[in-house]
Amino acid sequence: MSGFLKFTLKIILSMEFIIGNLGNAFIVLVNIMDWVKRRKISSVDLILTALAISRTIFLLVLISSLWRPVPYSSLMIIGKMMRVLNIFFTVTNHFSLWLATCLSIFYFLKIANFSNSFFLYLKWRVKKVVVVALLASLLILFINIVIINTKTDAWIDNHKANRSYNTVLNISEQFCHLFLFPNTMFTLIPFFMSLVTFLLLIFSLWKHLKTMQHNTKGSRDANTMAHIKALHTVVVFMLLYIIFFLSLLLQSWNNESVQKNLNILFFRVIGVAFPSAHSWVLLLGNNKLRQALFSVLWCMKYRPKI
């Protein structure tokens, strides 16, 4: 029974990988073609393109982490494999989360309306705010990598005296416990930033609707619709983000379970839904990308038969 479940979970994970990368590839292709055609690219398109590229690499790293090392590999080879996979996971996960957070900040500053002078200062310099946020995140990434490398070195030192078969065979579980928990904690920083923008967007919409009650135009003006559209995107992002965070947390805590391999695979399937599904949410929420997708689907449906 466990073998069938494991096979089913791997099929689902493979489907998530394919669907997610199809969405990411489409976003990159459309934005690059538009960039070449117009000789310029908007800030939103640039963030979306970078986000799609980082998530493509991130999904590749997640799939690669499922591969087990050769049981009789030397400890040094396993340590190098762990270090490389750790760094790739940390870097791609970092940019996947922070670019999505910067996109939320960009939408918030563009759409929200507050009379606060500090908010207006940030609103007029939205591009610089996004750049500063990304640059500041690099410091967080550096600290994260230092912690991961320190843990990897400690793991190698602790196992130099014990090169038993079981130690090497269970490398995947030890690898999971080694870096997932600190990485999970670092995901809280962009999560809280996204949560703040989400709450401020709701407050901005509430203030706008309260103002519009005294206006004959009603509450369904362009600004209201922009708020609602942005909130829809951010709500889905927050829900998927929470699922992703919980999946990482459960993977790191579930290391001593009897069915740890199956449970980790299950939590990984749940976690991969975030980078895969969110790419399609962004794609369908963007007018240019949505129209390009519908055009492709229409051409595929009504293409002349040979």
Protein backbone atom coordinates (compact mmCIF):
# COMPACT_ATOMS: atom_id res chain seq x y z
CA MET A 1 0.00 0.00 0.00
CA SER A 2 2.82 2.41 0.89
CA GLY A 3 4.49 1.64 -2.44
CA PHE A 4 1.33 2.58 -4.33
CA LEU A 5 0.95 5.81 -2.33
CA LYS A 6 4.57 6.70 -2.95
CA PHE A 7 4.14 6.11 -6.68
CA THR A 8 0.93 8.21 -6.72
CA LEU A 9 2.60 11.08 -4.85
CA LYS A 10 5.52 11.05 -7.27
CA ILE A 11 3.11 11.20 -10.21
CA ILE A 12 1.32 14.19 -8.62
CA LEU A 13 4.67 15.86 -7.91
CA SER A 14 5.74 15.34 -11.52
CA MET A 15 2.48 16.87 -12.76
CA GLU A 16 2.97 19.88 -10.49
CA PHE A 17 6.51 20.22 -11.80
CA ILE A 18 5.35 20.13 -15.45
CA ILE A 19 2.36 22.46 -14.95
CA GLY A 20 4.41 24.95 -12.94
CA ASN A 21 7.24 25.08 -15.44
CA LEU A 22 4.83 25.45 -18.36
CA GLY A 23 3.39 28.54 -16.68
CA ASN A 24 6.83 29.91 -15.84
CA ALA A 25 8.13 29.30 -19.36
CA PHE A 26 5.10 31.02 -20.87
CA ILE A 27 5.57 34.10 -18.65
CA VAL A 28 9.26 34.35 -19.58
CA LEU A 29 8.62 33.80 -23.29
CA VAL A 30 5.82 36.37 -23.60
CA ASN A 31 7.65 39.04 -21.60
CA ILE A 32 10.95 38.57 -23.45
CA MET A 33 9.20 38.67 -26.84
CA ASP A 34 7.40 41.85 -25.80
CA TRP A 35 10.69 43.28 -24.50
CA VAL A 36 12.43 42.60 -27.83
CA LYS A 37 9.49 44.03 -29.78
CA ARG A 38 9.06 47.24 -27.76
CA ARG A 39 12.73 47.64 -26.74
CA LYS A 40 11.60 48.27 -23.17
CA ILE A 41 10.06 46.36 -20.29
CA SER A 42 7.86 47.51 -17.42
CA SER A 43 8.79 47.02 -13.78
CA VAL A 44 5.97 44.49 -13.27
CA ASP A 45 7.02 42.44 -16.30
CA LEU A 46 10.64 42.49 -15.15
CA ILE A 47 9.68 41.21 -11.69
CA LEU A 48 7.39 38.56 -13.18
CA THR A 49 10.13 37.37 -15.55
CA ALA A 50 12.73 37.14 -12.79
CA LEU A 51 10.19 35.39 -10.55
CA ALA A 52 9.33 32.84 -13.25
CA ILE A 53 13.01 32.07 -13.89
CA SER A 54 13.77 31.64 -10.17
CA ARG A 55 10.79 29.33 -9.73
CA THR A 56 11.78 27.21 -12.70
CA ILE A 57 15.19 26.62 -11.10
CA PHE A 58 13.53 26.15 -7.69
CA LEU A 59 11.26 23.39 -9.02
CA LEU A 60 14.27 21.70 -10.64
CA VAL A 61 16.09 21.76 -7.30
CA LEU A 62 13.07 20.30 -5.49
CA ILE A 63 12.86 17.44 -7.98
CA SER A 64 16.63 16.87 -7.75
CA SER A 65 16.44 16.65 -3.96
CA LEU A 66 14.31 13.51 -4.30
CA TRP A 67 17.24 11.61 -5.78
CA ARG A 68 19.08 9.48 -3.26
CA PRO A 69 22.88 9.38 -3.23
CA VAL A 70 24.60 6.10 -3.94
CA PRO A 71 24.49 4.11 -0.64
CA TYR A 72 28.23 3.48 -0.56
CA SER A 73 29.35 6.97 -1.57
CA SER A 74 32.10 8.50 0.53
CA LEU A 75 31.20 10.96 3.24
CA MET A 76 33.08 13.78 1.51
CA ILE A 77 31.15 13.26 -1.74
CA ILE A 78 27.86 13.23 0.16
CA GLY A 79 28.89 16.36 2.05
CA LYS A 80 29.65 18.19 -1.20
CA MET A 81 26.32 17.07 -2.68
CA MET A 82 24.51 18.31 0.41
CA ARG A 83 26.29 21.65 0.36
CA VAL A 84 25.53 22.29 -3.33
CA LEU A 85 21.89 21.22 -3.01
CA ASN A 86 21.51 23.29 0.18
CA ILE A 87 22.82 26.43 -1.48
CA PHE A 88 20.76 25.96 -4.65
CA PHE A 89 17.59 25.36 -2.62
CA THR A 90 18.26 28.32 -0.33
CA VAL A 91 19.05 30.77 -3.14
CA THR A 92 16.18 29.79 -5.45
CA ASN A 93 13.69 29.62 -2.59
CA HIS A 94 14.88 33.02 -1.37
CA PHE A 95 14.36 34.76 -4.71
CA SER A 96 11.08 32.92 -5.33
CA LEU A 97 9.66 34.30 -2.09
CA TRP A 98 11.25 37.75 -2.13
CA LEU A 99 10.38 38.54 -5.75
CA ALA A 100 6.77 37.56 -5.04
CA THR A 101 6.85 39.77 -1.93
CA CYS A 102 8.30 42.67 -3.94
CA LEU A 103 5.49 42.20 -6.45
CA SER A 104 2.97 42.53 -3.61
CA ILE A 105 4.74 45.67 -2.37
CA PHE A 106 4.72 47.11 -5.90
CA TYR A 107 0.97 46.52 -6.33
CA PHE A 108 0.29 47.91 -2.87
CA LEU A 109 2.18 51.16 -3.44
CA LYS A 110 0.65 51.60 -6.90
CA ILE A 111 -2.98 50.95 -5.89
CA ALA A 112 -3.39 51.94 -2.23
CA ASN A 113 -4.32 55.51 -1.27
CA PHE A 114 -3.20 57.08 1.99
CA SER A 115 -2.60 60.70 2.86
CA ASN A 116 0.36 59.86 5.08
CA SER A 117 3.48 61.75 3.94
CA PHE A 118 5.78 58.75 4.41
CA PHE A 119 3.48 56.56 2.31
CA LEU A 120 3.36 59.20 -0.43
CA TYR A 121 7.16 59.40 -0.34
CA LEU A 122 7.35 55.62 -0.91
CA LYS A 123 4.58 55.71 -3.52
CA TRP A 124 6.44 58.23 -5.65
CA ARG A 125 9.59 56.09 -5.43
CA VAL A 126 8.04 52.64 -5.83
CA LYS A 127 10.80 51.33 -8.12
CA LYS A 128 13.50 52.37 -5.67
CA VAL A 129 11.56 50.76 -2.81
CA VAL A 130 11.48 47.44 -4.66
CA VAL A 131 15.20 47.65 -5.49
CA VAL A 132 16.08 48.47 -1.86
CA ALA A 133 13.92 45.57 -0.62
CA LEU A 134 15.71 43.16 -2.96
CA LEU A 135 19.14 44.47 -1.97
CA ALA A 136 18.26 44.21 1.73
CA SER A 137 17.11 40.63 1.16
CA LEU A 138 20.61 39.77 -0.09
CA LEU A 139 21.93 40.37 3.43
CA ILE A 140 19.32 37.96 4.77
CA LEU A 141 20.31 35.46 2.08
CA PHE A 142 23.98 35.76 3.07
CA ILE A 143 23.17 35.08 6.74
CA ASN A 144 21.00 32.13 5.74
CA ILE A 145 23.77 30.58 3.61
CA VAL A 146 26.32 31.05 6.40
CA ILE A 147 24.04 29.21 8.84
CA ILE A 148 23.40 26.40 6.34
CA ASN A 149 27.13 25.96 5.61
CA THR A 150 27.91 25.95 9.33
CA LYS A 151 25.33 23.21 9.90
CA THR A 152 26.69 21.23 6.93
CA ASP A 153 30.26 21.42 8.28
CA ALA A 154 29.05 20.35 11.73
CA TRP A 155 27.17 17.41 10.19
CA ILE A 156 30.27 16.23 8.30
CA ASP A 157 32.48 16.53 11.41
CA ASN A 158 29.99 14.60 13.54
CA HIS A 159 29.80 11.74 11.03
CA LYS A 160 33.47 11.37 10.13
CA ALA A 161 33.87 8.81 12.92
CA ASN A 162 30.72 6.91 11.87
CA ARG A 163 30.59 5.87 8.22
CA SER A 164 28.07 3.12 8.69
CA TYR A 165 25.73 1.96 5.94
CA ASN A 166 22.65 3.31 7.73
CA THR A 167 24.16 6.74 8.11
CA VAL A 168 24.70 7.08 4.38
CA LEU A 169 21.44 5.36 3.44
CA ASN A 170 19.38 7.80 5.50
CA ILE A 171 21.12 10.84 4.05
CA SER A 172 17.88 12.24 2.59
CA GLU A 173 16.20 12.40 6.01
CA GLN A 174 19.25 13.92 7.67
CA PHE A 175 19.59 16.38 4.80
CA CYS A 176 15.95 17.39 5.27
CA HIS A 177 16.37 18.03 8.98
CA LEU A 178 19.69 19.80 8.46
CA PHE A 179 18.56 22.80 6.45
CA LEU A 180 14.74 22.86 6.22
CA PHE A 181 14.06 24.29 9.68
CA PRO A 182 16.41 27.33 9.40
CA ASN A 183 15.15 27.96 5.86
CA THR A 184 11.59 27.76 7.14
CA MET A 185 12.32 30.38 9.78
CA PHE A 186 13.82 32.72 7.17
CA THR A 187 10.64 32.46 5.07
CA LEU A 188 8.77 34.22 7.89
CA ILE A 189 10.37 37.57 7.04
CA PRO A 190 8.89 37.98 3.51
CA PHE A 191 5.68 36.36 4.78
CA PHE A 192 5.11 39.07 7.39
CA MET A 193 5.95 41.76 4.84
CA SER A 194 3.34 40.32 2.46
CA LEU A 195 0.86 40.08 5.33
CA VAL A 196 1.36 43.76 6.16
CA THR A 197 0.77 44.81 2.54
CA PHE A 198 -2.35 42.62 2.45
CA LEU A 199 -3.82 44.20 5.59
CA LEU A 200 -2.96 47.71 4.40
CA LEU A 201 -4.64 47.00 1.06
CA ILE A 202 -7.81 45.95 2.88
CA PHE A 203 -7.67 49.11 5.00
CA SER A 204 -7.13 51.24 1.90
CA LEU A 205 -10.11 49.63 0.17
CA TRP A 206 -12.28 50.18 3.26
CA LYS A 207 -11.34 53.87 3.36
CA HIS A 208 -12.00 54.21 -0.37
CA LEU A 209 -15.42 52.55 -0.16
CA LYS A 210 -16.32 54.74 2.79
CA THR A 211 -15.42 57.82 0.74
CA MET A 212 -17.34 56.58 -2.30
CA GLN A 213 -20.56 56.18 -0.30
CA HIS A 214 -20.98 59.93 -0.64
CA ASN A 215 -20.25 59.84 -4.36
CA THR A 216 -22.94 59.33 -7.01
CA LYS A 217 -20.63 57.08 -9.01
CA GLY A 218 -21.05 54.30 -6.50
CA SER A 219 -18.41 51.98 -5.17
CA ARG A 220 -17.52 50.16 -8.40
CA ASP A 221 -15.14 52.74 -9.84
CA ALA A 222 -11.77 51.95 -11.39
CA ASN A 223 -9.88 52.39 -8.12
CA THR A 224 -12.18 49.99 -6.30
CA MET A 225 -11.84 47.38 -9.01
CA ALA A 226 -8.05 47.76 -8.89
CA HIS A 227 -8.13 47.19 -5.12
CA ILE A 228 -10.33 44.10 -5.47
CA LYS A 229 -8.22 42.62 -8.26
CA ALA A 230 -5.02 43.15 -6.28
CA LEU A 231 -6.63 41.67 -3.15
CA HIS A 232 -7.71 38.56 -5.07
CA THR A 233 -4.12 38.00 -6.19
CA VAL A 234 -2.65 38.68 -2.74
CA VAL A 235 -5.22 36.46 -0.96
CA VAL A 236 -4.33 33.47 -3.15
CA PHE A 237 -0.64 34.26 -2.69
CA MET A 238 -1.00 34.35 1.11
CA LEU A 239 -2.96 31.08 1.22
CA LEU A 240 -0.41 29.28 -0.95
CA TYR A 241 2.41 30.87 1.06
CA ILE A 242 0.93 29.54 4.33
CA ILE A 243 0.58 26.05 2.83
CA PHE A 244 4.20 26.20 1.64
CA PHE A 245 5.44 27.35 5.04
CA LEU A 246 3.53 24.60 6.86
CA SER A 247 4.84 21.97 4.44
CA LEU A 248 8.44 23.03 5.15
CA LEU A 249 7.80 23.09 8.88
CA LEU A 250 6.18 19.64 8.90
CA GLN A 251 9.01 18.19 6.80
CA SER A 252 11.60 19.43 9.29
CA TRP A 253 9.61 18.20 12.32
CA ASN A 254 8.66 14.86 10.78
CA ASN A 255 12.20 13.56 10.52
CA GLU A 256 11.80 10.89 13.20
CA SER A 257 8.49 9.45 12.00
CA VAL A 258 8.16 5.74 11.19
CA GLN A 259 6.85 6.60 7.73
CA LYS A 260 9.14 9.58 7.33
CA ASN A 261 9.93 9.05 3.65
CA LEU A 262 6.26 8.87 2.66
CA ASN A 263 5.29 11.76 4.91
CA ILE A 264 8.09 14.00 3.63
CA LEU A 265 7.06 13.21 0.05
CA PHE A 266 3.44 14.06 0.89
CA PHE A 267 4.40 17.38 2.48
CA ARG A 268 6.63 18.14 -0.50
CA VAL A 269 3.71 17.58 -2.89
CA ILE A 270 1.69 20.08 -0.85
CA GLY A 271 4.56 22.57 -0.76
CA VAL A 272 5.25 22.45 -4.51
CA ALA A 273 1.67 23.66 -5.08
CA PHE A 274 2.87 27.14 -4.07
CA PRO A 275 5.48 27.82 -6.79
CA SER A 276 3.46 25.88 -9.40
CA ALA A 277 -0.04 27.26 -8.80
CA HIS A 278 1.00 30.82 -7.98
CA SER A 279 2.69 31.18 -11.37
CA TRP A 280 -0.65 30.47 -13.04
CA VAL A 281 -2.44 32.86 -10.69
CA LEU A 282 -0.05 35.62 -11.75
CA LEU A 283 -0.37 34.62 -15.40
CA LEU A 284 -4.18 34.70 -15.40
CA GLY A 285 -4.24 37.88 -13.32
CA ASN A 286 -2.12 39.80 -15.81
CA ASN A 287 -4.09 41.17 -18.79
CA LYS A 288 -1.26 40.87 -21.32
CA LEU A 289 -0.29 37.34 -20.28
CA ARG A 290 -3.91 36.19 -20.11
CA GLN A 291 -4.68 37.52 -23.58
CA ALA A 292 -1.52 35.88 -24.96
CA LEU A 293 -2.53 32.56 -23.38
CA PHE A 294 -6.06 32.74 -24.82
CA SER A 295 -4.61 33.60 -28.23
CA VAL A 296 -2.35 30.54 -28.12
CA LEU A 297 -5.23 28.30 -27.02
CA TRP A 298 -7.47 29.72 -29.76
CA CYS A 299 -4.80 29.08 -32.40
CA MET A 300 -4.31 25.53 -31.15
CA LYS A 301 -8.04 24.87 -31.24
CA TYR A 302 -8.77 26.40 -34.65
CA ARG A 303 -5.50 25.72 -36.44
CA PRO A 304 -6.03 24.35 -39.97
CA LYS A 305 -5.82 20.59 -40.24
CA ILE A 306 -3.24 19.23 -42.64
